[in-house]
Each structure stands twice: as structure tokens, then as C-alpha cells.
């Protein structure tokens, strides 16, 4: 039985602006009421700002060339198509980016954030902090809008890497990392190549691209969990958790 969504997620809006303006852009904006008879005042709407399309393409290229090998948890043709889909929706009259799924926007934002943070420019840190906060907001929105997804886990992996460089192995880092492990198990990623996979009808075919990305995501989390704890905490995964 699918999990019931008890809380209505906060409305969220996606917009694009020059990356140099992201640190100065408003986090909340007031939208005109859809009903002309409604009062002129309204609740502010959370606004997530993405870089302009040309800047996003440049940053995604940088991420794929310089950083994806660190995690190796994405399918390159898929994320290029995802970027095109998001900016097509941003440019449309309806601006229905949210229809693509906030988890997919979170994944793209995480990659762009990682690319920005890796740049050797004076504004890289401040821009990375703003985009990290925006990605965290989108991931938080995902929690109230439906079940977990592979894209959410990918976003958490990439963003936790950025957070570890900004803050060290902080509470925020461990929150992202722990949630990624929990969600991966709930999606059955540890069973992609197991005989028990037949118990989870949601798992993709073993020879599919999605299954391969699921493998990479799961074993990245396992390897990271086994490597990092000696410096901080007890392992979250044991051998028994792998089956």
C-alpha cells in the first residue's frame, strides 16, 4: 500500500535569472490571486532560482567533465535531457517545471551547485551556499509531495559532497547521507541483483539503465558508509543490511 501524504506541500515556484543575481534574488515572492474577486493580499510563495539556460549548460558540462567521476551515480544522456526538459518548461507560458517532479529539479540543482562550488572564482562560495539552500528546500518539498525516488537519492549524494566541503562532516551532511541510505533501502536498491527482487515489483529490469544507476547509487552509499565512520560515527550498514 503506498504511503499516504498527510501534509500538503508548500507551493513552490521555479524561475531563472543570471547566476550573478542569484545571491540577491528574493526567496519568497507574492503572486497575483488567480481569482479576480479574491483579496489582493496573498501568502508569499517560495521561489527557487536557477541559473539562465546558457549558464546551466556550462555548469552541467563542467560537472560531467570534472566531478561526476567522484560519485559516478548518474546517466549522462539522461541528465542532459532532464536539463532540456526543465528549461523548456521554464520558458513555456505555464512554467510548469513542478510537473516534471521536484526530485528531478533537485538532481539538476545539486549538480549545478557542485559545479559552482568547484570554480576558482571569488563568488563561488556564496553562490554555492545559496544554491545548496535552494536544493535543500526542493528536497524538503519532495518529502511532502510523494514517495522517495532515485533522483532524490542522487541529489542527496551529490549535495552531501558539497556540504562536506562547506561545513565538514556536519549534522547537515549526516542527515543527507542517512536519508539517502534509508531511501535507497526503501526503494529496494539493495535487491537489484538479488533473487528477492521479485518481491518488489517496482524494481526496473536488471539490464535497464535505471537498474545500473540503482546499483551505482547503492554501492556508492555502502562504500562511503564503510569508509567515513572511523572518522566520526558508527557504521549505518552492516553485511546483513546488504540483502
Protein backbone atom coordinates (compact mmCIF):
# COMPACT_ATOMS: atom_id res chain seq x y z
CA UNK A 1 0.00 0.00 0.00
CA UNK A 2 1.55 3.35 -0.99
CA UNK A 3 2.38 5.82 1.75
CA UNK A 4 -0.35 8.37 2.38
CA UNK A 5 0.61 12.03 2.07
CA UNK A 6 -0.81 13.71 5.17
CA UNK A 7 0.65 17.16 4.69
CA UNK A 8 0.06 19.40 1.69
CA UNK A 9 3.45 20.62 0.45
CA UNK A 10 4.16 24.33 0.41
CA UNK A 11 3.65 25.83 -3.03
CA UNK A 12 6.92 26.27 -4.83
CA UNK A 13 7.84 28.28 -7.91
CA UNK A 14 10.85 27.91 -10.19
CA UNK A 15 12.42 30.83 -12.04
CA UNK A 16 15.69 31.58 -13.84
CA UNK A 17 17.99 34.58 -13.53
CA UNK A 18 21.66 35.37 -14.24
CA UNK A 19 23.82 33.44 -11.83
CA UNK A 20 25.41 36.68 -10.63
CA UNK A 21 21.96 37.75 -9.35
CA UNK A 22 21.10 34.54 -7.50
CA UNK A 23 22.56 35.73 -4.21
CA UNK A 24 20.42 38.90 -4.43
CA UNK A 25 17.14 37.32 -5.55
CA UNK A 26 14.08 37.09 -3.32
CA UNK A 27 13.42 33.71 -1.69
CA UNK A 28 9.69 34.42 -1.48
CA UNK A 29 7.50 36.37 -3.89
CA UNK A 30 3.85 37.43 -3.89
CA UNK A 31 1.78 36.11 -6.78
CA UNK A 32 -1.37 37.86 -8.01
CA UNK A 33 -4.54 35.96 -6.98
CA UNK A 34 -5.88 33.60 -9.65
CA UNK A 35 -9.42 34.61 -8.70
CA UNK A 36 -10.04 38.30 -9.58
CA UNK A 37 -12.64 38.52 -6.78
CA UNK A 38 -10.17 37.33 -4.15
CA UNK A 39 -8.41 39.78 -1.80
CA UNK A 40 -5.33 41.42 -3.25
CA UNK A 41 -3.10 40.08 -0.47
CA UNK A 42 -1.82 36.52 -0.54
CA UNK A 43 0.64 34.23 1.17
CA UNK A 44 4.20 34.51 -0.18
CA UNK A 45 5.33 31.68 -2.46
CA UNK A 46 8.71 30.00 -2.12
CA UNK A 47 10.80 30.80 -5.20
CA UNK A 48 13.72 28.65 -6.33
CA UNK A 49 16.09 30.44 -8.70
CA UNK A 50 18.04 28.53 -11.32
CA UNK A 51 20.83 29.96 -13.49
CA UNK A 52 19.99 31.01 -17.02
CA UNK A 53 19.96 28.21 -19.57
CA UNK A 54 23.36 29.00 -21.12
CA UNK A 55 24.96 29.16 -17.65
CA UNK A 56 23.28 25.92 -16.60
CA UNK A 57 24.60 24.15 -19.72
CA UNK A 58 28.12 25.39 -18.99
CA UNK A 59 27.91 24.26 -15.34
CA UNK A 60 26.47 20.85 -16.20
CA UNK A 61 29.26 20.35 -18.74
CA UNK A 62 31.78 21.23 -16.03
CA UNK A 63 30.19 18.82 -13.58
CA UNK A 64 30.19 15.99 -16.12
CA UNK A 65 33.80 16.64 -17.17
CA UNK A 66 35.38 17.34 -13.78
CA UNK A 67 33.23 15.97 -10.97
CA UNK A 68 30.92 13.11 -11.94
CA UNK A 69 33.75 10.58 -11.54
CA UNK A 70 33.73 11.30 -7.79
CA UNK A 71 30.28 9.71 -7.43
CA UNK A 72 29.58 8.05 -10.79
CA UNK A 73 25.88 7.82 -9.94
CA UNK A 74 24.24 9.44 -12.98
CA UNK A 75 23.45 8.54 -16.58
CA UNK A 76 24.89 11.34 -18.69
CA UNK A 77 22.39 11.33 -21.63
CA UNK A 78 19.50 11.29 -19.14
CA UNK A 79 20.67 14.33 -17.20
CA UNK A 80 21.23 16.31 -20.40
CA UNK A 81 17.66 15.52 -21.43
CA UNK A 82 16.48 16.43 -17.94
CA UNK A 83 18.14 19.83 -18.20
CA UNK A 84 16.45 20.44 -21.56
CA UNK A 85 13.05 19.44 -20.16
CA UNK A 86 13.38 21.73 -17.14
CA UNK A 87 14.35 24.79 -19.15
CA UNK A 88 11.73 24.07 -21.79
CA UNK A 89 9.13 24.20 -19.02
CA UNK A 90 10.73 27.35 -17.56
CA UNK A 91 10.38 29.03 -20.94
CA UNK A 92 6.80 27.92 -21.54
CA UNK A 93 3.79 30.08 -20.77
CA UNK A 94 2.65 27.83 -17.92
CA UNK A 95 6.13 27.43 -16.39
CA UNK A 96 5.10 24.02 -15.13
CA UNK A 97 8.55 22.86 -14.00
CA UNK A 98 6.95 21.29 -10.92
CA UNK A 99 5.09 18.89 -13.25
CA UNK A 100 8.41 17.26 -14.08
CA UNK A 101 8.80 16.42 -10.40
CA UNK A 102 10.70 18.40 -7.77
CA UNK A 103 13.04 15.43 -7.31
CA UNK A 104 14.32 15.89 -10.87
CA UNK A 105 14.84 19.62 -10.33
CA UNK A 106 16.71 18.79 -7.11
CA UNK A 107 19.07 16.48 -9.02
CA UNK A 108 19.91 19.15 -11.61
CA UNK A 109 20.31 21.80 -8.90
CA UNK A 110 22.67 19.54 -6.95
CA UNK A 111 24.90 19.05 -10.00
CA UNK A 112 24.93 22.79 -10.77
CA UNK A 113 25.73 23.55 -7.12
CA UNK A 114 28.65 21.14 -7.16
CA UNK A 115 29.99 22.67 -10.36
CA UNK A 116 29.70 26.22 -9.00
CA UNK A 117 31.45 25.29 -5.77
CA UNK A 118 34.38 23.80 -7.70
CA UNK A 119 35.05 27.02 -9.62
CA UNK A 120 38.06 29.12 -8.72
CA UNK A 121 36.24 32.47 -8.63
CA UNK A 122 35.59 34.88 -5.70
CA UNK A 123 31.80 34.41 -5.78
CA UNK A 124 31.83 30.58 -5.95
CA UNK A 125 31.31 30.03 -2.23
CA UNK A 126 28.44 32.49 -1.79
CA UNK A 127 26.66 31.20 -4.90
CA UNK A 128 27.18 27.58 -3.82
CA UNK A 129 25.71 28.32 -0.38
CA UNK A 130 22.58 29.89 -1.91
CA UNK A 131 22.10 27.00 -4.35
CA UNK A 132 22.74 24.46 -1.59
CA UNK A 133 19.97 26.09 0.45
CA UNK A 134 17.68 26.05 -2.61
CA UNK A 135 18.38 22.36 -3.27
CA UNK A 136 17.69 21.52 0.37
CA UNK A 137 14.37 23.40 0.07
CA UNK A 138 13.39 21.39 -3.00
CA UNK A 139 14.36 18.12 -1.28
CA UNK A 140 12.27 19.14 1.72
CA UNK A 141 9.37 19.84 -0.64
CA UNK A 142 9.77 16.32 -2.05
CA UNK A 143 9.11 14.81 1.39
CA UNK A 144 5.56 16.15 1.37
CA UNK A 145 4.79 15.60 -2.29
CA UNK A 146 5.12 11.83 -2.67
CA UNK A 147 7.28 8.74 -2.14
CA UNK A 148 11.05 8.74 -2.50
CA UNK A 149 12.81 8.38 -5.84
CA UNK A 150 16.16 7.51 -7.34
CA UNK A 151 16.63 11.15 -8.39
CA UNK A 152 16.22 12.30 -4.79
CA UNK A 153 18.94 9.90 -3.66
CA UNK A 154 21.26 11.04 -6.45
CA UNK A 155 20.66 14.66 -5.44
CA UNK A 156 21.36 13.89 -1.77
CA UNK A 157 24.61 12.10 -2.63
CA UNK A 158 25.89 14.97 -4.77
CA UNK A 159 24.72 17.67 -2.36
CA UNK A 160 26.17 15.91 0.70
CA UNK A 161 29.57 16.04 -1.04
CA UNK A 162 29.21 19.82 -1.43
CA UNK A 163 28.04 20.22 2.17
CA UNK A 164 31.02 18.23 3.45
CA UNK A 165 33.32 20.75 1.75
CA UNK A 166 31.37 23.75 3.03
CA UNK A 167 30.81 22.56 6.61
CA UNK A 168 32.81 19.37 7.10
CA UNK A 169 31.10 16.20 8.35
CA UNK A 170 28.34 18.29 9.89
CA UNK A 171 24.88 17.42 11.14
CA UNK A 172 23.50 18.52 7.76
CA UNK A 173 25.91 16.17 5.95
CA UNK A 174 24.91 13.18 8.10
CA UNK A 175 21.23 13.99 7.72
CA UNK A 176 21.52 13.91 3.92
CA UNK A 177 23.69 10.80 3.91
CA UNK A 178 21.49 8.87 6.36
CA UNK A 179 18.33 9.78 4.48
CA UNK A 180 19.89 8.65 1.20
CA UNK A 181 20.69 5.23 2.71
CA UNK A 182 17.20 4.88 4.20
CA UNK A 183 15.51 5.83 0.93
CA UNK A 184 17.75 3.52 -1.08
CA UNK A 185 16.73 0.58 1.08
CA UNK A 186 13.05 1.56 0.92
CA UNK A 187 13.26 1.57 -2.89
CA UNK A 188 14.93 -1.86 -2.81
CA UNK A 189 18.17 -0.78 -4.45
CA UNK A 190 20.00 -3.38 -2.37
CA UNK A 191 17.92 -6.05 -4.12
CA UNK A 192 18.52 -5.03 -7.75
CA UNK A 193 20.59 -8.18 -8.39
CA UNK A 194 19.09 -10.37 -5.67
CA UNK A 195 16.68 -13.29 -6.03
CA UNK A 196 14.37 -11.41 -3.66
CA UNK A 197 13.90 -8.69 -6.27
CA UNK A 198 10.71 -10.45 -7.39
CA UNK A 199 9.15 -9.28 -4.12
CA UNK A 200 9.50 -5.67 -5.26
CA UNK A 201 7.59 -5.15 -8.49
CA UNK A 202 8.76 -1.52 -8.59
CA UNK A 203 12.34 -2.53 -9.40
CA UNK A 204 13.37 -1.97 -13.05
CA UNK A 205 14.58 -4.76 -15.32
CA UNK A 206 18.11 -5.88 -14.36
CA UNK A 207 19.54 -4.94 -17.76
CA UNK A 208 17.99 -1.45 -17.82
CA UNK A 209 19.78 1.88 -17.44
CA UNK A 210 17.77 2.64 -14.31
CA UNK A 211 18.85 -0.64 -12.70
CA UNK A 212 22.51 0.13 -13.45
CA UNK A 213 22.20 3.58 -11.89
CA UNK A 214 20.48 1.95 -8.90
CA UNK A 215 23.48 -0.37 -8.49
CA UNK A 216 25.93 2.52 -8.64
CA UNK A 217 23.92 4.55 -6.15
CA UNK A 218 23.64 1.65 -3.68
CA UNK A 219 27.29 0.63 -3.78
CA UNK A 220 28.45 4.24 -3.57
CA UNK A 221 26.44 4.57 -0.36
CA UNK A 222 27.76 1.27 1.00
CA UNK A 223 31.40 2.11 0.23
CA UNK A 224 31.04 5.63 1.66
CA UNK A 225 29.37 4.31 4.81
CA UNK A 226 32.22 1.86 5.37
CA UNK A 227 34.92 4.43 4.66
CA UNK A 228 33.76 7.54 6.55
CA UNK A 229 32.66 6.29 10.02
CA UNK A 230 36.12 5.64 11.52
CA UNK A 231 36.49 9.42 11.49
CA UNK A 232 33.13 10.18 13.06
CA UNK A 233 30.38 7.70 13.88
CA UNK A 234 29.33 4.05 13.88
CA UNK A 235 28.54 2.41 10.55
CA UNK A 236 24.93 2.54 9.41
CA UNK A 237 25.20 -0.53 7.18
CA UNK A 238 26.47 -3.99 8.09
CA UNK A 239 26.79 -7.09 5.95
CA UNK A 240 23.28 -8.13 6.95
CA UNK A 241 21.87 -4.91 5.50
CA UNK A 242 23.08 -5.74 2.01
CA UNK A 243 20.48 -8.46 1.44
